[in-house]
Amino acid sequence: MNLIEQIDICSEHYQKWKSIALNSLDRNEATKAMQRAFFWLELQAAFITLHAIELVAGNDKEKKERILEAKTKLSRKLVEYAKEILNEL
């Protein structure tokens, strides 16, 4: 998946959860929706930051390894998020 697709997915989910949070009359539901919105916003910022670092890193092997580690951590966060959603269902 390329950067544009990742950013689009994050943006879609952020907008969805933000809308739910702002339109909810239930405080607990609004809080949970806002937490999810922030999760997607943070994820989007992380993808953009990693992309910028990749562009600057060039062929530095150590930096590439650290970038790969960071991407792995982001993937784990997405898996944890998916598990949380599945448990709620």
PDB file of N, CA and C in Angstrom:
ATOM      1  N   MET A   1       0.856  -1.175   0.000  1.00  0.00           N
ATOM      2  CA  MET A   1       0.000   0.000   0.000  1.00  0.00           C
ATOM      3  C   MET A   1       0.903   1.239   0.000  1.00  0.00           C
ATOM      4  N   ASN A   2       0.608   2.162  -0.864  1.00  0.00           N
ATOM      5  CA  ASN A   2       1.458   3.351  -0.933  1.00  0.00           C
ATOM      6  C   ASN A   2       0.999   4.426   0.061  1.00  0.00           C
ATOM      7  N   LEU A   3       1.803   5.444   0.178  1.00  0.00           N
ATOM      8  CA  LEU A   3       1.551   6.496   1.164  1.00  0.00           C
ATOM      9  C   LEU A   3       0.198   7.175   0.960  1.00  0.00           C
ATOM     10  N   ILE A   4      -0.146   7.467  -0.272  1.00  0.00           N
ATOM     11  CA  ILE A   4      -1.418   8.155  -0.555  1.00  0.00           C
ATOM     12  C   ILE A   4      -2.595   7.312  -0.075  1.00  0.00           C
ATOM     13  N   GLU A   5      -2.537   6.011  -0.332  1.00  0.00           N
ATOM     14  CA  GLU A   5      -3.615   5.119   0.118  1.00  0.00           C
ATOM     15  C   GLU A   5      -3.692   5.078   1.645  1.00  0.00           C
ATOM     16  N   GLN A   6      -2.534   5.011   2.292  1.00  0.00           N
ATOM     17  CA  GLN A   6      -2.496   4.982   3.750  1.00  0.00           C
ATOM     18  C   GLN A   6      -3.092   6.265   4.327  1.00  0.00           C
ATOM     19  N   ILE A   7      -2.713   7.387   3.769  1.00  0.00           N
ATOM     20  CA  ILE A   7      -3.218   8.674   4.251  1.00  0.00           C
ATOM     21  C   ILE A   7      -4.719   8.787   4.006  1.00  0.00           C
ATOM     22  N   ASP A   8      -5.165   8.329   2.853  1.00  0.00           N
ATOM     23  CA  ASP A   8      -6.600   8.374   2.538  1.00  0.00           C
ATOM     24  C   ASP A   8      -7.420   7.531   3.513  1.00  0.00           C
ATOM     25  N   ILE A   9      -6.921   6.334   3.810  1.00  0.00           N
ATOM     26  CA  ILE A   9      -7.631   5.459   4.750  1.00  0.00           C
ATOM     27  C   ILE A   9      -7.702   6.107   6.127  1.00  0.00           C
ATOM     28  N   CYS A  10      -6.571   6.622   6.582  1.00  0.00           N
ATOM     29  CA  CYS A  10      -6.540   7.285   7.894  1.00  0.00           C
ATOM     30  C   CYS A  10      -7.486   8.478   7.925  1.00  0.00           C
ATOM     31  N   SER A  11      -7.467   9.259   6.860  1.00  0.00           N
ATOM     32  CA  SER A  11      -8.320  10.444   6.792  1.00  0.00           C
ATOM     33  C   SER A  11      -9.800  10.076   6.802  1.00  0.00           C
ATOM     34  N   GLU A  12     -10.154   9.047   6.041  1.00  0.00           N
ATOM     35  CA  GLU A  12     -11.549   8.572   6.012  1.00  0.00           C
ATOM     36  C   GLU A  12     -12.035   8.190   7.403  1.00  0.00           C
ATOM     37  N   HIS A  13     -11.225   7.367   8.070  1.00  0.00           N
ATOM     38  CA  HIS A  13     -11.616   6.894   9.404  1.00  0.00           C
ATOM     39  C   HIS A  13     -11.638   8.040  10.420  1.00  0.00           C
ATOM     40  N   TYR A  14     -10.685   8.949  10.306  1.00  0.00           N
ATOM     41  CA  TYR A  14     -10.663  10.105  11.204  1.00  0.00           C
ATOM     42  C   TYR A  14     -11.945  10.919  11.045  1.00  0.00           C
ATOM     43  N   GLN A  15     -12.306  11.215   9.803  1.00  0.00           N
ATOM     44  CA  GLN A  15     -13.508  12.016   9.550  1.00  0.00           C
ATOM     45  C   GLN A  15     -14.759  11.312  10.058  1.00  0.00           C
ATOM     46  N   LYS A  16     -14.808   9.995   9.852  1.00  0.00           N
ATOM     47  CA  LYS A  16     -15.967   9.215  10.308  1.00  0.00           C
ATOM     48  C   LYS A  16     -16.123   9.308  11.818  1.00  0.00           C
ATOM     49  N   TRP A  17     -15.042   9.025  12.557  1.00  0.00           N
ATOM     50  CA  TRP A  17     -15.123   9.014  14.012  1.00  0.00           C
ATOM     51  C   TRP A  17     -15.293  10.409  14.582  1.00  0.00           C
ATOM     52  N   LYS A  18     -14.701  11.399  13.944  1.00  0.00           N
ATOM     53  CA  LYS A  18     -14.882  12.781  14.401  1.00  0.00           C
ATOM     54  C   LYS A  18     -16.345  13.186  14.267  1.00  0.00           C
ATOM     55  N   SER A  19     -16.933  12.826  13.153  1.00  0.00           N
ATOM     56  CA  SER A  19     -18.340  13.143  12.927  1.00  0.00           C
ATOM     57  C   SER A  19     -19.239  12.474  13.968  1.00  0.00           C
ATOM     58  N   ILE A  20     -18.960  11.212  14.250  1.00  0.00           N
ATOM     59  CA  ILE A  20     -19.748  10.495  15.261  1.00  0.00           C
ATOM     60  C   ILE A  20     -19.592  11.175  16.616  1.00  0.00           C
ATOM     61  N   ALA A  21     -18.356  11.543  16.960  1.00  0.00           N
ATOM     62  CA  ALA A  21     -18.099  12.182  18.260  1.00  0.00           C
ATOM     63  C   ALA A  21     -18.833  13.515  18.372  1.00  0.00           C
ATOM     64  N   LEU A  22     -18.805  14.296  17.314  1.00  0.00           N
ATOM     65  CA  LEU A  22     -19.426  15.619  17.366  1.00  0.00           C
ATOM     66  C   LEU A  22     -20.947  15.569  17.334  1.00  0.00           C
ATOM     67  N   ASN A  23     -21.496  14.511  16.761  1.00  0.00           N
ATOM     68  CA  ASN A  23     -22.948  14.408  16.629  1.00  0.00           C
ATOM     69  C   ASN A  23     -23.611  13.548  17.697  1.00  0.00           C
ATOM     70  N   SER A  24     -22.814  12.915  18.532  1.00  0.00           N
ATOM     71  CA  SER A  24     -23.364  12.017  19.546  1.00  0.00           C
ATOM     72  C   SER A  24     -23.917  12.807  20.736  1.00  0.00           C
ATOM     73  N   LEU A  25     -25.041  12.364  21.219  1.00  0.00           N
ATOM     74  CA  LEU A  25     -25.629  12.961  22.410  1.00  0.00           C
ATOM     75  C   LEU A  25     -25.189  12.229  23.674  1.00  0.00           C
ATOM     76  N   ASP A  26     -24.674  11.027  23.498  1.00  0.00           N
ATOM     77  CA  ASP A  26     -24.187  10.211  24.619  1.00  0.00           C
ATOM     78  C   ASP A  26     -22.709  10.530  24.855  1.00  0.00           C
ATOM     79  N   ARG A  27     -22.411  10.983  26.048  1.00  0.00           N
ATOM     80  CA  ARG A  27     -21.040  11.413  26.377  1.00  0.00           C
ATOM     81  C   ARG A  27     -20.028  10.268  26.248  1.00  0.00           C
ATOM     82  N   ASN A  28     -20.402   9.067  26.697  1.00  0.00           N
ATOM     83  CA  ASN A  28     -19.497   7.921  26.605  1.00  0.00           C
ATOM     84  C   ASN A  28     -19.213   7.549  25.156  1.00  0.00           C
ATOM     85  N   GLU A  29     -20.247   7.559  24.348  1.00  0.00           N
ATOM     86  CA  GLU A  29     -20.087   7.256  22.927  1.00  0.00           C
ATOM     87  C   GLU A  29     -19.215   8.323  22.256  1.00  0.00           C
ATOM     88  N   ALA A  30     -19.426   9.569  22.600  1.00  0.00           N
ATOM     89  CA  ALA A  30     -18.642  10.657  22.025  1.00  0.00           C
ATOM     90  C   ALA A  30     -17.168  10.545  22.430  1.00  0.00           C
ATOM     91  N   THR A  31     -16.930  10.187  23.673  1.00  0.00           N
ATOM     92  CA  THR A  31     -15.554  10.025  24.152  1.00  0.00           C
ATOM     93  C   THR A  31     -14.847   8.909  23.414  1.00  0.00           C
ATOM     94  N   LYS A  32     -15.514   7.780  23.275  1.00  0.00           N
ATOM     95  CA  LYS A  32     -14.926   6.639  22.574  1.00  0.00           C
ATOM     96  C   LYS A  32     -14.676   6.980  21.101  1.00  0.00           C
ATOM     97  N   ALA A  33     -15.621   7.649  20.487  1.00  0.00           N
ATOM     98  CA  ALA A  33     -15.452   8.035  19.079  1.00  0.00           C
ATOM     99  C   ALA A  33     -14.302   9.020  18.918  1.00  0.00           C
ATOM    100  N   MET A  34     -14.147   9.939  19.837  1.00  0.00           N
ATOM    101  CA  MET A  34     -13.053  10.906  19.742  1.00  0.00           C
ATOM    102  C   MET A  34     -11.704  10.212  19.934  1.00  0.00           C
ATOM    103  N   GLN A  35     -11.648   9.227  20.818  1.00  0.00           N
ATOM    104  CA  GLN A  35     -10.409   8.468  20.993  1.00  0.00           C
ATOM    105  C   GLN A  35     -10.027   7.761  19.699  1.00  0.00           C
ATOM    106  N   ARG A  36     -11.023   7.204  19.038  1.00  0.00           N
ATOM    107  CA  ARG A  36     -10.753   6.537  17.757  1.00  0.00           C
ATOM    108  C   ARG A  36     -10.348   7.545  16.690  1.00  0.00           C
ATOM    109  N   ALA A  37     -10.966   8.696  16.691  1.00  0.00           N
ATOM    110  CA  ALA A  37     -10.595   9.736  15.731  1.00  0.00           C
ATOM    111  C   ALA A  37      -9.138  10.146  15.935  1.00  0.00           C
ATOM    112  N   PHE A  38      -8.744  10.342  17.174  1.00  0.00           N
ATOM    113  CA  PHE A  38      -7.355  10.723  17.456  1.00  0.00           C
ATOM    114  C   PHE A  38      -6.381   9.611  17.069  1.00  0.00           C
ATOM    115  N   PHE A  39      -6.787   8.358  17.266  1.00  0.00           N
ATOM    116  CA  PHE A  39      -5.945   7.234  16.854  1.00  0.00           C
ATOM    117  C   PHE A  39      -5.624   7.345  15.369  1.00  0.00           C
ATOM    118  N   TRP A  40      -6.658   7.576  14.552  1.00  0.00           N
ATOM    119  CA  TRP A  40      -6.454   7.659  13.107  1.00  0.00           C
ATOM    120  C   TRP A  40      -5.660   8.902  12.709  1.00  0.00           C
ATOM    121  N   LEU A  41      -5.863   9.986  13.416  1.00  0.00           N
ATOM    122  CA  LEU A  41      -5.103  11.203  13.133  1.00  0.00           C
ATOM    123  C   LEU A  41      -3.619  11.001  13.466  1.00  0.00           C
ATOM    124  N   GLU A  42      -3.348  10.368  14.596  1.00  0.00           N
ATOM    125  CA  GLU A  42      -1.964  10.082  14.977  1.00  0.00           C
ATOM    126  C   GLU A  42      -1.311   9.118  13.987  1.00  0.00           C
ATOM    127  N   LEU A  43      -2.043   8.130  13.542  1.00  0.00           N
ATOM    128  CA  LEU A  43      -1.526   7.171  12.582  1.00  0.00           C
ATOM    129  C   LEU A  43      -1.182   7.867  11.264  1.00  0.00           C
ATOM    130  N   GLN A  44      -2.052   8.748  10.839  1.00  0.00           N
ATOM    131  CA  GLN A  44      -1.806   9.503   9.607  1.00  0.00           C
ATOM    132  C   GLN A  44      -0.531  10.343   9.741  1.00  0.00           C
ATOM    133  N   ALA A  45      -0.383  11.025  10.854  1.00  0.00           N
ATOM    134  CA  ALA A  45       0.811  11.840  11.086  1.00  0.00           C
ATOM    135  C   ALA A  45       2.071  10.972  11.099  1.00  0.00           C
ATOM    136  N   ALA A  46       1.966   9.784  11.680  1.00  0.00           N
ATOM    137  CA  ALA A  46       3.116   8.876  11.724  1.00  0.00           C
ATOM    138  C   ALA A  46       3.521   8.426  10.324  1.00  0.00           C
ATOM    139  N   PHE A  47       2.539   8.090   9.487  1.00  0.00           N
ATOM    140  CA  PHE A  47       2.849   7.678   8.116  1.00  0.00           C
ATOM    141  C   PHE A  47       3.522   8.819   7.345  1.00  0.00           C
ATOM    142  N   ILE A  48       3.025  10.009   7.498  1.00  0.00           N
ATOM    143  CA  ILE A  48       3.609  11.159   6.797  1.00  0.00           C
ATOM    144  C   ILE A  48       5.028  11.416   7.291  1.00  0.00           C
ATOM    145  N   THR A  49       5.227  11.345   8.593  1.00  0.00           N
ATOM    146  CA  THR A  49       6.548  11.568   9.178  1.00  0.00           C
ATOM    147  C   THR A  49       7.538  10.511   8.697  1.00  0.00           C
ATOM    148  N   LEU A  50       7.125   9.255   8.716  1.00  0.00           N
ATOM    149  CA  LEU A  50       8.015   8.192   8.251  1.00  0.00           C
ATOM    150  C   LEU A  50       8.380   8.368   6.777  1.00  0.00           C
ATOM    151  N   HIS A  51       7.424   8.783   6.000  1.00  0.00           N
ATOM    152  CA  HIS A  51       7.699   9.012   4.578  1.00  0.00           C
ATOM    153  C   HIS A  51       8.736  10.128   4.411  1.00  0.00           C
ATOM    154  N   ALA A  52       8.578  11.194   5.159  1.00  0.00           N
ATOM    155  CA  ALA A  52       9.546  12.298   5.088  1.00  0.00           C
ATOM    156  C   ALA A  52      10.939  11.838   5.504  1.00  0.00           C
ATOM    157  N   ILE A  53      11.002  11.024   6.550  1.00  0.00           N
ATOM    158  CA  ILE A  53      12.293  10.506   7.015  1.00  0.00           C
ATOM    159  C   ILE A  53      12.906   9.597   5.944  1.00  0.00           C
ATOM    160  N   GLU A  54      12.074   8.787   5.296  1.00  0.00           N
ATOM    161  CA  GLU A  54      12.569   7.916   4.225  1.00  0.00           C
ATOM    162  C   GLU A  54      13.193   8.723   3.096  1.00  0.00           C
ATOM    163  N   LEU A  55      12.543   9.821   2.747  1.00  0.00           N
ATOM    164  CA  LEU A  55      13.063  10.652   1.664  1.00  0.00           C
ATOM    165  C   LEU A  55      14.419  11.260   2.017  1.00  0.00           C
ATOM    166  N   VAL A  56      14.592  11.598   3.278  1.00  0.00           N
ATOM    167  CA  VAL A  56      15.834  12.228   3.730  1.00  0.00           C
ATOM    168  C   VAL A  56      16.923  11.190   4.001  1.00  0.00           C
ATOM    169  N   ALA A  57      16.526   9.980   4.406  1.00  0.00           N
ATOM    170  CA  ALA A  57      17.486   8.953   4.822  1.00  0.00           C
ATOM    171  C   ALA A  57      18.389   8.492   3.695  1.00  0.00           C
ATOM    172  N   GLY A  58      17.886   8.507   2.486  1.00  0.00           N
ATOM    173  CA  GLY A  58      18.701   8.042   1.370  1.00  0.00           C
ATOM    174  C   GLY A  58      19.010   6.563   1.490  1.00  0.00           C
ATOM    175  N   ASN A  59      20.288   6.211   1.339  1.00  0.00           N
ATOM    176  CA  ASN A  59      20.696   4.798   1.372  1.00  0.00           C
ATOM    177  C   ASN A  59      21.339   4.395   2.689  1.00  0.00           C
ATOM    178  N   ASP A  60      21.137   5.172   3.722  1.00  0.00           N
ATOM    179  CA  ASP A  60      21.705   4.857   5.035  1.00  0.00           C
ATOM    180  C   ASP A  60      21.024   3.602   5.584  1.00  0.00           C
ATOM    181  N   LYS A  61      21.805   2.522   5.683  1.00  0.00           N
ATOM    182  CA  LYS A  61      21.260   1.222   6.093  1.00  0.00           C
ATOM    183  C   LYS A  61      20.662   1.261   7.499  1.00  0.00           C
ATOM    184  N   GLU A  62      21.325   1.925   8.425  1.00  0.00           N
ATOM    185  CA  GLU A  62      20.838   2.002   9.806  1.00  0.00           C
ATOM    186  C   GLU A  62      19.497   2.726   9.873  1.00  0.00           C
ATOM    187  N   LYS A  63      19.382   3.825   9.149  1.00  0.00           N
ATOM    188  CA  LYS A  63      18.119   4.573   9.147  1.00  0.00           C
ATOM    189  C   LYS A  63      17.002   3.750   8.514  1.00  0.00           C
ATOM    190  N   LYS A  64      17.327   3.015   7.457  1.00  0.00           N
ATOM    191  CA  LYS A  64      16.315   2.182   6.816  1.00  0.00           C
ATOM    192  C   LYS A  64      15.801   1.107   7.776  1.00  0.00           C
ATOM    193  N   GLU A  65      16.711   0.536   8.568  1.00  0.00           N
ATOM    194  CA  GLU A  65      16.302  -0.467   9.546  1.00  0.00           C
ATOM    195  C   GLU A  65      15.395   0.137  10.612  1.00  0.00           C
ATOM    196  N   ARG A  66      15.733   1.337  11.054  1.00  0.00           N
ATOM    197  CA  ARG A  66      14.906   2.001  12.067  1.00  0.00           C
ATOM    198  C   ARG A  66      13.536   2.374  11.502  1.00  0.00           C
ATOM    199  N   ILE A  67      13.494   2.767  10.240  1.00  0.00           N
ATOM    200  CA  ILE A  67      12.226   3.082   9.585  1.00  0.00           C
ATOM    201  C   ILE A  67      11.367   1.822   9.488  1.00  0.00           C
ATOM    202  N   LEU A  68      12.003   0.702   9.140  1.00  0.00           N
ATOM    203  CA  LEU A  68      11.280  -0.568   9.062  1.00  0.00           C
ATOM    204  C   LEU A  68      10.720  -0.958  10.429  1.00  0.00           C
ATOM    205  N   GLU A  69      11.504  -0.742  11.485  1.00  0.00           N
ATOM    206  CA  GLU A  69      11.025  -1.002  12.845  1.00  0.00           C
ATOM    207  C   GLU A  69       9.793  -0.157  13.160  1.00  0.00           C
ATOM    208  N   ALA A  70       9.858   1.118  12.800  1.00  0.00           N
ATOM    209  CA  ALA A  70       8.741   2.026  13.068  1.00  0.00           C
ATOM    210  C   ALA A  70       7.495   1.585  12.298  1.00  0.00           C
ATOM    211  N   LYS A  71       7.669   1.166  11.053  1.00  0.00           N
ATOM    212  CA  LYS A  71       6.531   0.691  10.267  1.00  0.00           C
ATOM    213  C   LYS A  71       5.931  -0.573  10.883  1.00  0.00           C
ATOM    214  N   THR A  72       6.796  -1.425  11.411  1.00  0.00           N
ATOM    215  CA  THR A  72       6.328  -2.641  12.069  1.00  0.00           C
ATOM    216  C   THR A  72       5.485  -2.290  13.294  1.00  0.00           C
ATOM    217  N   LYS A  73       5.941  -1.305  14.054  1.00  0.00           N
ATOM    218  CA  LYS A  73       5.182  -0.871  15.232  1.00  0.00           C
ATOM    219  C   LYS A  73       3.823  -0.313  14.828  1.00  0.00           C
ATOM    220  N   LEU A  74       3.784   0.445  13.742  1.00  0.00           N
ATOM    221  CA  LEU A  74       2.501   0.976  13.262  1.00  0.00           C
ATOM    222  C   LEU A  74       1.570  -0.163  12.859  1.00  0.00           C
ATOM    223  N   SER A  75       2.124  -1.168  12.214  1.00  0.00           N
ATOM    224  CA  SER A  75       1.309  -2.326  11.819  1.00  0.00           C
ATOM    225  C   SER A  75       0.750  -3.030  13.047  1.00  0.00           C
ATOM    226  N   ARG A  76       1.565  -3.146  14.080  1.00  0.00           N
ATOM    227  CA  ARG A  76       1.088  -3.779  15.321  1.00  0.00           C
ATOM    228  C   ARG A  76      -0.041  -2.963  15.946  1.00  0.00           C
ATOM    229  N   LYS A  77       0.095  -1.644  15.903  1.00  0.00           N
ATOM    230  CA  LYS A  77      -0.973  -0.792  16.449  1.00  0.00           C
ATOM    231  C   LYS A  77      -2.276  -1.019  15.692  1.00  0.00           C
ATOM    232  N   LEU A  78      -2.183  -1.171  14.384  1.00  0.00           N
ATOM    233  CA  LEU A  78      -3.379  -1.425  13.585  1.00  0.00           C
ATOM    234  C   LEU A  78      -3.994  -2.777  13.939  1.00  0.00           C
ATOM    235  N   VAL A  79      -3.165  -3.779  14.160  1.00  0.00           N
ATOM    236  CA  VAL A  79      -3.660  -5.109  14.543  1.00  0.00           C
ATOM    237  C   VAL A  79      -4.345  -5.029  15.899  1.00  0.00           C
ATOM    238  N   GLU A  80      -3.745  -4.329  16.853  1.00  0.00           N
ATOM    239  CA  GLU A  80      -4.348  -4.167  18.172  1.00  0.00           C
ATOM    240  C   GLU A  80      -5.690  -3.447  18.067  1.00  0.00           C
ATOM    241  N   TYR A  81      -5.746  -2.425  17.229  1.00  0.00           N
ATOM    242  CA  TYR A  81      -6.980  -1.677  17.018  1.00  0.00           C
ATOM    243  C   TYR A  81      -8.061  -2.601  16.438  1.00  0.00           C
ATOM    244  N   ALA A  82      -7.684  -3.410  15.457  1.00  0.00           N
ATOM    245  CA  ALA A  82      -8.638  -4.328  14.832  1.00  0.00           C
ATOM    246  C   ALA A  82      -9.152  -5.352  15.853  1.00  0.00           C
ATOM    247  N   LYS A  83      -8.259  -5.858  16.693  1.00  0.00           N
ATOM    248  CA  LYS A  83      -8.678  -6.813  17.722  1.00  0.00           C
ATOM    249  C   LYS A  83      -9.671  -6.158  18.686  1.00  0.00           C
ATOM    250  N   GLU A  84      -9.398  -4.918  19.054  1.00  0.00           N
ATOM    251  CA  GLU A  84     -10.292  -4.192  19.960  1.00  0.00           C
ATOM    252  C   GLU A  84     -11.679  -4.044  19.355  1.00  0.00           C
ATOM    253  N   ILE A  85     -11.719  -3.689  18.087  1.00  0.00           N
ATOM    254  CA  ILE A  85     -13.006  -3.524  17.388  1.00  0.00           C
ATOM    255  C   ILE A  85     -13.737  -4.866  17.321  1.00  0.00           C
ATOM    256  N   LEU A  86     -13.013  -5.936  17.002  1.00  0.00           N
ATOM    257  CA  LEU A  86     -13.642  -7.257  16.925  1.00  0.00           C
ATOM    258  C   LEU A  86     -14.184  -7.703  18.277  1.00  0.00           C
ATOM    259  N   ASN A  87     -13.449  -7.406  19.339  1.00  0.00           N
ATOM    260  CA  ASN A  87     -13.926  -7.773  20.679  1.00  0.00           C
ATOM    261  C   ASN A  87     -15.199  -7.030  21.046  1.00  0.00           C
ATOM    262  N   GLU A  88     -15.343  -5.817  20.575  1.00  0.00           N
ATOM    263  CA  GLU A  88     -16.549  -5.033  20.862  1.00  0.00           C
ATOM    264  C   GLU A  88     -17.759  -5.580  20.119  1.00  0.00           C
ATOM    265  N   LEU A  89     -17.510  -6.177  18.961  1.00  0.00           N
ATOM    266  CA  LEU A  89     -18.617  -6.731  18.179  1.00  0.00           C
ATOM    267  C   LEU A  89     -19.066  -8.025  18.815  1.00  0.00           C
TER     268      LEU A  89
END
